[in-house]
PDB file of N, CA and C in Angstrom:
ATOM      1  N   MET A   1      22.775   9.503  -3.699  1.00  0.00           N
ATOM      2  CA  MET A   1      22.378   7.803  -3.043  1.00  0.00           C
ATOM      3  C   MET A   1      22.651   7.447  -4.475  1.00  0.00           C
ATOM      4  N   ALA A   2      23.238   5.902  -4.637  1.00  0.00           N
ATOM      5  CA  ALA A   2      22.999   5.264  -5.905  1.00  0.00           C
ATOM      6  C   ALA A   2      21.670   4.891  -6.053  1.00  0.00           C
ATOM      7  N   ALA A   3      21.563   4.848  -7.497  1.00  0.00           N
ATOM      8  CA  ALA A   3      20.222   4.666  -7.646  1.00  0.00           C
ATOM      9  C   ALA A   3      19.623   3.004  -7.915  1.00  0.00           C
ATOM     10  N   PHE A   4      19.323   3.063  -6.905  1.00  0.00           N
ATOM     11  CA  PHE A   4      18.467   1.692  -6.571  1.00  0.00           C
ATOM     12  C   PHE A   4      17.649   0.691  -7.878  1.00  0.00           C
ATOM     13  N   THR A   5      18.202  -0.169  -8.589  1.00  0.00           N
ATOM     14  CA  THR A   5      17.284  -1.151  -9.343  1.00  0.00           C
ATOM     15  C   THR A   5      17.572  -2.684  -8.537  1.00  0.00           C
ATOM     16  N   ALA A   6      16.423  -3.237  -8.695  1.00  0.00           N
ATOM     17  CA  ALA A   6      16.156  -4.919  -7.838  1.00  0.00           C
ATOM     18  C   ALA A   6      17.412  -5.816  -9.257  1.00  0.00           C
ATOM     19  N   ASP A   7      17.123  -5.670 -10.357  1.00  0.00           N
ATOM     20  CA  ASP A   7      17.762  -6.319 -10.975  1.00  0.00           C
ATOM     21  C   ASP A   7      19.557  -6.179 -10.571  1.00  0.00           C
ATOM     22  N   GLU A   8      19.769  -5.248 -10.706  1.00  0.00           N
ATOM     23  CA  GLU A   8      21.484  -4.415 -10.317  1.00  0.00           C
ATOM     24  C   GLU A   8      21.807  -5.392  -9.093  1.00  0.00           C
ATOM     25  N   ALA A   9      20.740  -5.007  -8.005  1.00  0.00           N
ATOM     26  CA  ALA A   9      21.115  -5.380  -6.443  1.00  0.00           C
ATOM     27  C   ALA A   9      21.261  -6.774  -6.470  1.00  0.00           C
ATOM     28  N   LEU A  10      20.209  -7.690  -7.671  1.00  0.00           N
ATOM     29  CA  LEU A  10      20.415  -8.836  -7.350  1.00  0.00           C
ATOM     30  C   LEU A  10      21.617  -9.627  -7.951  1.00  0.00           C
ATOM     31  N   ALA A  11      22.607  -8.935  -9.323  1.00  0.00           N
ATOM     32  CA  ALA A  11      23.334  -9.559  -9.688  1.00  0.00           C
ATOM     33  C   ALA A  11      24.563  -9.184  -8.987  1.00  0.00           C
ATOM     34  N   VAL A  12      24.723  -7.881  -8.015  1.00  0.00           N
ATOM     35  CA  VAL A  12      25.412  -7.657  -7.136  1.00  0.00           C
ATOM     36  C   VAL A  12      25.798  -8.966  -6.291  1.00  0.00           C
ATOM     37  N   ALA A  13      23.659  -8.850  -5.704  1.00  0.00           N
ATOM     38  CA  ALA A  13      24.120 -10.306  -4.125  1.00  0.00           C
ATOM     39  C   ALA A  13      24.586 -11.909  -5.199  1.00  0.00           C
ATOM     40  N   GLU A  14      24.263 -11.856  -6.328  1.00  0.00           N
ATOM     41  CA  GLU A  14      24.824 -13.306  -6.554  1.00  0.00           C
ATOM     42  C   GLU A  14      26.041 -13.694  -7.373  1.00  0.00           C
ATOM     43  N   ALA A  15      26.852 -12.496  -6.993  1.00  0.00           N
ATOM     44  CA  ALA A  15      28.186 -12.222  -7.807  1.00  0.00           C
ATOM     45  C   ALA A  15      29.406 -12.748  -6.454  1.00  0.00           C
ATOM     46  N   ALA A  16      28.718 -12.072  -5.514  1.00  0.00           N
ATOM     47  CA  ALA A  16      29.762 -12.430  -4.457  1.00  0.00           C
ATOM     48  C   ALA A  16      29.471 -14.334  -4.175  1.00  0.00           C
ATOM     49  N   PRO A  17      30.986 -14.802  -3.516  1.00  0.00           N
ATOM     50  CA  PRO A  17      31.025 -15.762  -2.787  1.00  0.00           C
ATOM     51  C   PRO A  17      29.894 -16.393  -1.496  1.00  0.00           C
ATOM     52  N   THR A  18      29.854 -15.636  -0.566  1.00  0.00           N
ATOM     53  CA  THR A  18      28.724 -15.472   0.385  1.00  0.00           C
ATOM     54  C   THR A  18      28.012 -14.675   0.804  1.00  0.00           C
ATOM     55  N   VAL A  19      26.974 -15.000   1.113  1.00  0.00           N
ATOM     56  CA  VAL A  19      25.855 -14.120   1.947  1.00  0.00           C
ATOM     57  C   VAL A  19      26.448 -12.411   2.366  1.00  0.00           C
ATOM     58  N   ARG A  20      27.037 -12.895   3.426  1.00  0.00           N
ATOM     59  CA  ARG A  20      28.041 -11.831   4.123  1.00  0.00           C
ATOM     60  C   ARG A  20      28.900 -10.767   3.185  1.00  0.00           C
ATOM     61  N   GLU A  21      29.567 -11.597   2.281  1.00  0.00           N
ATOM     62  CA  GLU A  21      30.431 -10.515   1.368  1.00  0.00           C
ATOM     63  C   GLU A  21      29.456  -9.877   0.168  1.00  0.00           C
ATOM     64  N   ALA A  22      28.227 -10.532  -0.193  1.00  0.00           N
ATOM     65  CA  ALA A  22      26.962 -10.055  -0.945  1.00  0.00           C
ATOM     66  C   ALA A  22      26.498  -8.640  -0.385  1.00  0.00           C
ATOM     67  N   ALA A  23      26.230  -9.138   0.872  1.00  0.00           N
ATOM     68  CA  ALA A  23      25.826  -7.521   1.738  1.00  0.00           C
ATOM     69  C   ALA A  23      26.502  -6.565   1.839  1.00  0.00           C
ATOM     70  N   ALA A  24      28.272  -7.179   2.100  1.00  0.00           N
ATOM     71  CA  ALA A  24      29.060  -5.746   1.797  1.00  0.00           C
ATOM     72  C   ALA A  24      29.158  -5.209   0.699  1.00  0.00           C
ATOM     73  N   ALA A  25      28.862  -5.926  -0.313  1.00  0.00           N
ATOM     74  CA  ALA A  25      28.958  -5.497  -1.268  1.00  0.00           C
ATOM     75  C   ALA A  25      27.786  -4.449  -1.811  1.00  0.00           C
ATOM     76  N   LEU A  26      26.555  -5.139  -1.536  1.00  0.00           N
ATOM     77  CA  LEU A  26      25.585  -4.097  -1.401  1.00  0.00           C
ATOM     78  C   LEU A  26      25.877  -3.130  -0.946  1.00  0.00           C
ATOM     79  N   ARG A  27      26.307  -2.891   0.219  1.00  0.00           N
ATOM     80  CA  ARG A  27      26.006  -1.941   0.802  1.00  0.00           C
ATOM     81  C   ARG A  27      27.197  -0.729   0.657  1.00  0.00           C
ATOM     82  N   ALA A  28      28.173  -1.352  -0.117  1.00  0.00           N
ATOM     83  CA  ALA A  28      29.259  -0.078  -1.031  1.00  0.00           C
ATOM     84  C   ALA A  28      28.498   0.284  -1.982  1.00  0.00           C
ATOM     85  N   ARG A  29      27.643  -0.809  -2.884  1.00  0.00           N
ATOM     86  CA  ARG A  29      26.845  -0.246  -4.062  1.00  0.00           C
ATOM     87  C   ARG A  29      25.801   1.071  -4.069  1.00  0.00           C
ATOM     88  N   PHE A  30      25.240   0.459  -2.562  1.00  0.00           N
ATOM     89  CA  PHE A  30      23.821   1.481  -2.484  1.00  0.00           C
ATOM     90  C   PHE A  30      23.899   1.892  -1.580  1.00  0.00           C
ATOM     91  N   ALA A  31      25.125   2.894  -0.903  1.00  0.00           N
ATOM     92  CA  ALA A  31      24.926   3.461   0.148  1.00  0.00           C
ATOM     93  C   ALA A  31      24.286   4.745  -0.329  1.00  0.00           C
ATOM     94  N   PRO A  32      23.803   5.335   1.181  1.00  0.00           N
ATOM     95  CA  PRO A  32      23.944   4.754   2.492  1.00  0.00           C
ATOM     96  C   PRO A  32      22.225   3.772   2.599  1.00  0.00           C
ATOM     97  N   TRP A  33      21.951   3.128   1.845  1.00  0.00           N
ATOM     98  CA  TRP A  33      20.933   1.884   2.475  1.00  0.00           C
ATOM     99  C   TRP A  33      21.911   1.296   3.616  1.00  0.00           C
ATOM    100  N   ARG A  34      20.609   0.460   4.158  1.00  0.00           N
ATOM    101  CA  ARG A  34      21.310  -0.514   5.113  1.00  0.00           C
ATOM    102  C   ARG A  34      21.014  -2.155   4.443  1.00  0.00           C
ATOM    103  N   VAL A  35      21.946  -2.810   4.561  1.00  0.00           N
ATOM    104  CA  VAL A  35      21.557  -4.106   4.166  1.00  0.00           C
ATOM    105  C   VAL A  35      21.756  -4.791   5.394  1.00  0.00           C
ATOM    106  N   VAL A  36      20.769  -5.766   5.978  1.00  0.00           N
ATOM    107  CA  VAL A  36      20.442  -6.511   6.857  1.00  0.00           C
ATOM    108  C   VAL A  36      20.512  -8.324   6.176  1.00  0.00           C
ATOM    109  N   VAL A  37      21.727  -8.875   6.853  1.00  0.00           N
ATOM    110  CA  VAL A  37      21.348 -10.478   6.692  1.00  0.00           C
ATOM    111  C   VAL A  37      20.304 -11.364   7.365  1.00  0.00           C
ATOM    112  N   VAL A  38      19.660 -11.897   7.016  1.00  0.00           N
ATOM    113  CA  VAL A  38      18.451 -12.350   7.360  1.00  0.00           C
ATOM    114  C   VAL A  38      18.694 -13.690   7.144  1.00  0.00           C
ATOM    115  N   ASP A  39      17.923 -14.698   7.409  1.00  0.00           N
ATOM    116  CA  ASP A  39      17.786 -16.282   8.073  1.00  0.00           C
ATOM    117  C   ASP A  39      16.388 -16.259   6.719  1.00  0.00           C
ATOM    118  N   ALA A  40      16.450 -16.859   5.465  1.00  0.00           N
ATOM    119  CA  ALA A  40      15.503 -17.208   4.904  1.00  0.00           C
ATOM    120  C   ALA A  40      13.621 -17.997   5.755  1.00  0.00           C
ATOM    121  N   PHE A  41      14.197 -18.513   6.596  1.00  0.00           N
ATOM    122  CA  PHE A  41      12.917 -18.755   7.273  1.00  0.00           C
ATOM    123  C   PHE A  41      12.314 -18.347   7.944  1.00  0.00           C
ATOM    124  N   ASP A  42      13.105 -16.942   8.651  1.00  0.00           N
ATOM    125  CA  ASP A  42      12.189 -15.667   9.054  1.00  0.00           C
ATOM    126  C   ASP A  42      11.405 -15.197   8.038  1.00  0.00           C
ATOM    127  N   MET A  43      12.216 -14.971   6.849  1.00  0.00           N
ATOM    128  CA  MET A  43      11.212 -14.164   6.036  1.00  0.00           C
ATOM    129  C   MET A  43      10.223 -14.927   5.026  1.00  0.00           C
ATOM    130  N   ARG A  44      10.232 -16.215   5.073  1.00  0.00           N
ATOM    131  CA  ARG A  44       8.931 -17.361   4.717  1.00  0.00           C
ATOM    132  C   ARG A  44       7.635 -17.105   4.227  1.00  0.00           C
ATOM    133  N   ASP A  45       7.572 -15.540   5.132  1.00  0.00           N
ATOM    134  CA  ASP A  45       5.830 -14.951   4.508  1.00  0.00           C
ATOM    135  C   ASP A  45       6.055 -13.741   4.267  1.00  0.00           C
ATOM    136  N   GLU A  46       7.076 -13.349   3.641  1.00  0.00           N
ATOM    137  CA  GLU A  46       7.088 -12.000   2.922  1.00  0.00           C
ATOM    138  C   GLU A  46       7.507 -12.810   1.544  1.00  0.00           C
ATOM    139  N   LYS A  47       7.199 -11.396   0.359  1.00  0.00           N
ATOM    140  CA  LYS A  47       7.411 -11.725  -1.036  1.00  0.00           C
ATOM    141  C   LYS A  47       8.868 -10.992  -1.336  1.00  0.00           C
ATOM    142  N   PRO A  48       9.467 -11.814  -1.767  1.00  0.00           N
ATOM    143  CA  PRO A  48      10.385 -10.944  -2.041  1.00  0.00           C
ATOM    144  C   PRO A  48      10.510  -9.720  -3.512  1.00  0.00           C
ATOM    145  N   ALA A  49      11.798  -9.233  -3.256  1.00  0.00           N
ATOM    146  CA  ALA A  49      11.613  -8.286  -4.186  1.00  0.00           C
ATOM    147  C   ALA A  49      12.321  -8.503  -5.324  1.00  0.00           C
ATOM    148  N   ALA A  50      13.238  -9.387  -5.147  1.00  0.00           N
ATOM    149  CA  ALA A  50      13.764 -10.226  -6.245  1.00  0.00           C
ATOM    150  C   ALA A  50      14.456 -11.479  -6.008  1.00  0.00           C
ATOM    151  N   GLY A  51      14.830 -12.519  -6.536  1.00  0.00           N
ATOM    152  CA  GLY A  51      15.290 -13.962  -6.291  1.00  0.00           C
ATOM    153  C   GLY A  51      16.084 -14.390  -7.343  1.00  0.00           C
ATOM    154  N   GLY A  52      17.035 -15.084  -6.901  1.00  0.00           N
ATOM    155  CA  GLY A  52      18.432 -15.491  -7.530  1.00  0.00           C
ATOM    156  C   GLY A  52      18.811 -17.322  -7.325  1.00  0.00           C
ATOM    157  N   ALA A  53      19.291 -17.963  -8.141  1.00  0.00           N
ATOM    158  CA  ALA A  53      19.709 -18.793  -7.791  1.00  0.00           C
ATOM    159  C   ALA A  53      20.199 -19.119  -6.473  1.00  0.00           C
ATOM    160  N   ARG A  54      20.487 -18.194  -5.653  1.00  0.00           N
ATOM    161  CA  ARG A  54      21.180 -18.616  -4.635  1.00  0.00           C
ATOM    162  C   ARG A  54      20.956 -17.300  -3.512  1.00  0.00           C
ATOM    163  N   ARG A  55      20.306 -16.133  -4.142  1.00  0.00           N
ATOM    164  CA  ARG A  55      20.130 -15.092  -2.604  1.00  0.00           C
ATOM    165  C   ARG A  55      18.902 -14.715  -3.157  1.00  0.00           C
ATOM    166  N   LEU A  56      18.033 -14.249  -1.724  1.00  0.00           N
ATOM    167  CA  LEU A  56      16.881 -13.577  -1.970  1.00  0.00           C
ATOM    168  C   LEU A  56      16.985 -12.229  -1.329  1.00  0.00           C
ATOM    169  N   LEU A  57      16.002 -11.132  -2.049  1.00  0.00           N
ATOM    170  CA  LEU A  57      16.171  -9.728  -1.780  1.00  0.00           C
ATOM    171  C   LEU A  57      15.208  -9.332  -1.324  1.00  0.00           C
ATOM    172  N   TYR A  58      14.869  -8.090  -0.251  1.00  0.00           N
ATOM    173  CA  TYR A  58      13.346  -7.926   0.504  1.00  0.00           C
ATOM    174  C   TYR A  58      13.586  -6.802   0.747  1.00  0.00           C
ATOM    175  N   LEU A  59      13.182  -5.524   0.455  1.00  0.00           N
ATOM    176  CA  LEU A  59      12.918  -3.991   0.519  1.00  0.00           C
ATOM    177  C   LEU A  59      12.319  -3.752   1.616  1.00  0.00           C
ATOM    178  N   GLY A  60      13.130  -3.237   2.333  1.00  0.00           N
ATOM    179  CA  GLY A  60      12.984  -2.492   3.587  1.00  0.00           C
ATOM    180  C   GLY A  60      12.859  -1.218   4.006  1.00  0.00           C
ATOM    181  N   ALA A  61      11.648  -0.663   4.933  1.00  0.00           N
ATOM    182  CA  ALA A  61      11.823   0.739   4.890  1.00  0.00           C
ATOM    183  C   ALA A  61      11.431   0.663   6.568  1.00  0.00           C
ATOM    184  N   SER A  62      12.005   2.041   6.866  1.00  0.00           N
ATOM    185  CA  SER A  62      11.847   2.147   8.103  1.00  0.00           C
ATOM    186  C   SER A  62      11.375   3.942   8.693  1.00  0.00           C
ATOM    187  N   ASP A  63      10.819   3.263   9.738  1.00  0.00           N
ATOM    188  CA  ASP A  63       9.945   4.738  10.437  1.00  0.00           C
ATOM    189  C   ASP A  63      10.898   5.777  11.605  1.00  0.00           C
ATOM    190  N   GLY A  64      12.549   5.204  11.371  1.00  0.00           N
ATOM    191  CA  GLY A  64      13.198   6.174  12.315  1.00  0.00           C
ATOM    192  C   GLY A  64      13.773   4.888  13.134  1.00  0.00           C
ATOM    193  N   HIS A  65      12.571   3.990  13.175  1.00  0.00           N
ATOM    194  CA  HIS A  65      12.802   3.108  14.858  1.00  0.00           C
ATOM    195  C   HIS A  65      12.625   1.544  14.578  1.00  0.00           C
ATOM    196  N   CYS A  66      11.397   1.090  13.716  1.00  0.00           N
ATOM    197  CA  CYS A  66      11.273   0.111  13.782  1.00  0.00           C
ATOM    198  C   CYS A  66      11.413  -0.067  12.001  1.00  0.00           C
ATOM    199  N   TRP A  67      11.713  -1.168  11.650  1.00  0.00           N
ATOM    200  CA  TRP A  67      12.020  -1.535  10.324  1.00  0.00           C
ATOM    201  C   TRP A  67      10.824  -2.750   9.338  1.00  0.00           C
ATOM    202  N   THR A  68      10.551  -2.609   8.352  1.00  0.00           N
ATOM    203  CA  THR A  68       9.086  -3.610   7.508  1.00  0.00           C
ATOM    204  C   THR A  68       9.668  -3.745   6.375  1.00  0.00           C
ATOM    205  N   VAL A  69       9.125  -4.758   5.759  1.00  0.00           N
ATOM    206  CA  VAL A  69      10.011  -5.110   4.323  1.00  0.00           C
ATOM    207  C   VAL A  69       8.236  -4.581   3.943  1.00  0.00           C
ATOM    208  N   THR A  70       9.116  -3.999   2.729  1.00  0.00           N
ATOM    209  CA  THR A  70       7.760  -3.323   1.735  1.00  0.00           C
ATOM    210  C   THR A  70       8.008  -4.056   0.099  1.00  0.00           C
ATOM    211  N   SER A  71       6.808  -3.519  -0.517  1.00  0.00           N
ATOM    212  CA  SER A  71       7.168  -3.489  -2.066  1.00  0.00           C
ATOM    213  C   SER A  71       7.512  -2.055  -2.466  1.00  0.00           C
ATOM    214  N   ASP A  72       7.192  -1.437  -2.118  1.00  0.00           N
ATOM    215  CA  ASP A  72       7.340  -0.022  -2.536  1.00  0.00           C
ATOM    216  C   ASP A  72       8.204   0.430  -2.150  1.00  0.00           C
ATOM    217  N   ALA A  73       9.420   0.583  -3.508  1.00  0.00           N
ATOM    218  CA  ALA A  73      10.907   0.736  -3.828  1.00  0.00           C
ATOM    219  C   ALA A  73      10.680   2.122  -3.452  1.00  0.00           C
ATOM    220  N   ALA A  74       9.798   3.381  -3.475  1.00  0.00           N
ATOM    221  CA  ALA A  74      10.138   4.973  -2.983  1.00  0.00           C
ATOM    222  C   ALA A  74      10.156   4.850  -1.611  1.00  0.00           C
ATOM    223  N   ARG A  75       9.844   3.488  -1.109  1.00  0.00           N
ATOM    224  CA  ARG A  75       9.940   4.147   0.319  1.00  0.00           C
ATOM    225  C   ARG A  75      11.027   3.265   1.301  1.00  0.00           C
ATOM    226  N   ALA A  76      11.801   2.371   0.230  1.00  0.00           N
ATOM    227  CA  ALA A  76      12.496   1.898   0.853  1.00  0.00           C
ATOM    228  C   ALA A  76      13.968   2.467   0.847  1.00  0.00           C
ATOM    229  N   SER A  77      14.617   1.830   2.140  1.00  0.00           N
ATOM    230  CA  SER A  77      15.946   2.693   2.424  1.00  0.00           C
ATOM    231  C   SER A  77      16.863   1.395   3.141  1.00  0.00           C
ATOM    232  N   GLY A  78      16.564   0.358   2.550  1.00  0.00           N
ATOM    233  CA  GLY A  78      17.464  -0.845   2.606  1.00  0.00           C
ATOM    234  C   GLY A  78      16.815  -2.286   2.398  1.00  0.00           C
ATOM    235  N   LEU A  79      17.911  -2.547   2.201  1.00  0.00           N
ATOM    236  CA  LEU A  79      17.919  -4.464   1.477  1.00  0.00           C
ATOM    237  C   LEU A  79      18.010  -5.529   2.928  1.00  0.00           C
ATOM    238  N   PHE A  80      17.331  -6.522   2.870  1.00  0.00           N
ATOM    239  CA  PHE A  80      17.330  -7.516   3.757  1.00  0.00           C
ATOM    240  C   PHE A  80      17.410  -8.498   2.480  1.00  0.00           C
ATOM    241  N   ILE A  81      18.514  -9.314   3.254  1.00  0.00           N
ATOM    242  CA  ILE A  81      19.529 -10.106   2.030  1.00  0.00           C
ATOM    243  C   ILE A  81      19.288 -11.765   2.918  1.00  0.00           C
ATOM    244  N   ALA A  82      19.170 -12.358   2.272  1.00  0.00           N
ATOM    245  CA  ALA A  82      18.739 -14.424   2.491  1.00  0.00           C
ATOM    246  C   ALA A  82      19.689 -15.229   1.541  1.00  0.00           C
ATOM    247  N   GLU A  83      19.974 -15.848   1.960  1.00  0.00           N
ATOM    248  CA  GLU A  83      20.984 -17.252   1.102  1.00  0.00           C
ATOM    249  C   GLU A  83      18.861 -17.697   0.865  1.00  0.00           C
ATOM    250  N   ARG A  84      19.335 -18.118  -0.498  1.00  0.00           N
ATOM    251  CA  ARG A  84      18.251 -18.969  -0.740  1.00  0.00           C
ATOM    252  C   ARG A  84      17.878 -20.706  -0.017  1.00  0.00           C
ATOM    253  N   ALA A  85      16.773 -21.076   0.319  1.00  0.00           N
ATOM    254  CA  ALA A  85      16.803 -22.380   1.360  1.00  0.00           C
ATOM    255  C   ALA A  85      17.253 -23.183   0.525  1.00  0.00           C
TER     256      ALA A  85
END
Protein backbone atom coordinates (compact mmCIF):
# COMPACT_ATOMS: atom_id res chain seq x y z
CA MET A 1 0.00 0.00 0.00
CA ALA A 2 1.23 3.48 -0.84
CA ALA A 3 2.20 5.57 2.17
CA PHE A 4 -0.48 8.13 2.97
CA THR A 5 0.20 11.78 3.69
CA ALA A 6 -2.59 14.32 3.94
CA ASP A 7 -0.55 16.94 2.09
CA GLU A 8 0.08 14.64 -0.87
CA ALA A 9 -3.53 13.46 -0.95
CA LEU A 10 -4.76 17.05 -0.93
CA ALA A 11 -2.36 17.98 -3.75
CA VAL A 12 -3.70 15.08 -5.84
CA ALA A 13 -7.30 16.06 -5.08
CA GLU A 14 -6.79 19.75 -5.82
CA ALA A 15 -5.07 19.05 -9.17
CA ALA A 16 -8.00 17.16 -10.67
CA PRO A 17 -10.60 19.11 -12.65
CA THR A 18 -13.63 17.45 -10.99
CA VAL A 19 -14.28 15.79 -7.66
CA ARG A 20 -14.93 12.44 -9.41
CA GLU A 21 -11.61 12.68 -11.25
CA ALA A 22 -9.98 13.58 -7.94
CA ALA A 23 -11.45 10.44 -6.37
CA ALA A 24 -10.14 8.31 -9.24
CA ALA A 25 -6.67 9.84 -8.91
CA LEU A 26 -6.67 9.22 -5.15
CA ARG A 27 -7.74 5.60 -5.68
CA ALA A 28 -4.86 5.11 -8.10
CA ARG A 29 -2.29 6.79 -5.85
CA PHE A 30 -3.36 5.25 -2.54
CA ALA A 31 -4.57 1.78 -3.60
CA PRO A 32 -6.04 -0.25 -1.96
CA TRP A 33 -7.64 2.57 0.08
CA ARG A 34 -11.33 3.21 -0.57
CA VAL A 35 -12.24 6.70 -1.75
CA VAL A 36 -15.85 7.90 -1.57
CA VAL A 37 -17.26 11.13 -2.96
CA VAL A 38 -19.59 12.77 -0.45
CA ASP A 39 -21.54 16.00 -0.21
CA ALA A 40 -19.91 18.69 1.92
CA PHE A 41 -23.25 19.33 3.62
CA ASP A 42 -23.31 15.74 4.88
CA MET A 43 -19.88 16.26 6.44
CA ARG A 44 -20.66 19.62 8.04
CA ASP A 45 -20.15 18.34 11.59
CA GLU A 46 -16.91 16.49 10.81
CA LYS A 47 -13.38 17.88 10.95
CA PRO A 48 -11.50 17.42 7.66
CA ALA A 49 -8.06 15.85 7.69
CA ALA A 50 -7.07 18.31 4.96
CA GLY A 51 -8.73 21.14 3.12
CA GLY A 52 -7.75 23.03 0.01
CA ALA A 53 -9.28 25.76 -2.10
CA ARG A 54 -11.60 23.30 -3.87
CA ARG A 55 -11.67 20.02 -1.95
CA LEU A 56 -12.03 18.66 1.58
CA LEU A 57 -10.63 15.28 2.65
CA TYR A 58 -11.74 13.21 5.62
CA LEU A 59 -10.09 10.02 6.88
CA GLY A 60 -12.31 6.97 7.02
CA ALA A 61 -11.97 3.87 9.20
CA SER A 62 -13.96 0.66 8.89
CA ASP A 63 -14.68 -2.25 11.18
CA GLY A 64 -15.38 -4.34 8.09
CA HIS A 65 -19.02 -3.32 7.95
CA CYS A 66 -19.54 0.32 8.95
CA TRP A 67 -17.44 3.36 8.06
CA THR A 68 -16.68 6.24 10.41
CA VAL A 69 -14.72 9.46 10.11
CA THR A 70 -11.53 9.35 12.13
CA SER A 71 -8.67 11.71 12.92
CA ASP A 72 -6.34 8.76 13.51
CA ALA A 73 -4.34 8.16 10.31
CA ALA A 74 -3.12 4.82 11.71
CA ARG A 75 -6.73 3.52 11.75
CA ALA A 76 -7.69 4.96 8.37
CA SER A 77 -8.18 2.80 5.31
CA GLY A 78 -10.13 5.22 3.19
CA LEU A 79 -10.92 8.80 2.31
CA PHE A 80 -14.11 10.75 1.96
CA ILE A 81 -13.75 13.62 -0.53
CA ALA A 82 -16.08 16.59 -0.95
CA GLU A 83 -16.19 19.76 -3.03
CA ARG A 84 -15.68 22.75 -0.80
CA ALA A 85 -19.05 24.46 -0.49
